Amino acid sequence: MKLPAAIRKQIYKIPFTDFLMIEIIFLIILAAVFMALAVVNDVKERIVPNWLNFSLIIFALGFRFFYSLFNENFPFFYHGLAGFGIFFILGNAFYYGRIFAGGDAKLMIALGAVLPFSTIPTMNFKIFAVFFFLFLISGAVYGFIWSIFLPMKNFKEFRKELSAQFEKNKKKFYPALIFGILLLAAGILTNPIILYFGLIVLIMPYLYFYAKAVDENCLVRNVKTKNLTGGDWLYKDVKIGNRTIKARWDGLSESEIKILRKKFKSVKIRQGIPFTPVFLMSFLILVWLYFSNSFIFEMI
């Protein structure tokens, strides 16, 4: 039974015109459950199964379609389809830009079918923009926290790797040092803003060395070939006879894993940090902001 428009506006504060509260809540719960499952798999196995992402897409769009069909409310489906299309472009851009792994990109695409909460296109674009902003901020904070705690597991080895990275890349450090000092001098003599840029230039090489040390020392592991799964990232190219198995962004194929198992007991694999918690955190914060009628939607 559809609630009267006056009651719906009072409940939501933001216009939902043609939606029932139960439909929106169902989509939110559906996405939250699937993302929680994705987080568990990502943390334990370092992989987001395709069946999770594809199931979320099918359930979200399927629910929108059948609700629209039976209630003659087709904007409910069309907006979900539009969100799916927009996030399909975003997910692929992140994937081919080598920011996301395949599972993360598919999860982003799946969320596109869920996020349109309104029948008003401009409101949906605001929702997309707020989610994207929250995702970037949450991702930056999350990555920073991981980069602090990962080296603590084996600090002595990490310190050696950090020194090695400095020795290996010190030729890149000196130009930045000289340029940074020049900017500092220019900032002192002219504009304080230039002084800040000088500080950034001086700090950047250290951040680069630190990130490289975290990557090499904390995110590379020897993995038994019997435990390899499709999509695992090789640390370096592996040559077997006349064939070279490349360390590609899309990871190992099943046929390549079979070849490695025949020749090696273990190989070095690069493991990324589990990024799905950022999706869940950003989504839950977005839902809270939206239902609390946050001013942030008025600012966009």
Foldseek 3Di string as FASTA:
>chain_A
DADDQVVVCVQQVDHQPPDHPVLLVVLLVLLLVLLVVQLVCCQPPVDRDPCSLVVLQCVLLVVQVVVCVVVVPNLSNVQLVVLLVVLLVVLVVCLVVLNDAPNVSSSSSSVSSNQQSHSDVLLSVLLVVLLVVLLVVLLVVVVVVCLVPQCVVPVVQLVVQLVVLCVVCVVVLVVLLVVLVVQCVCCVVDNVVSNVVSVVSNCVVSVVSSVVSCQVPRFKDKDFLVSDDAQWFAPAWDDDPPDIDGRDSSGDDPVVSVVCNVPDRIGITGRDRRSSVSSSVSSVVSVVCSRVVHCSSVVD
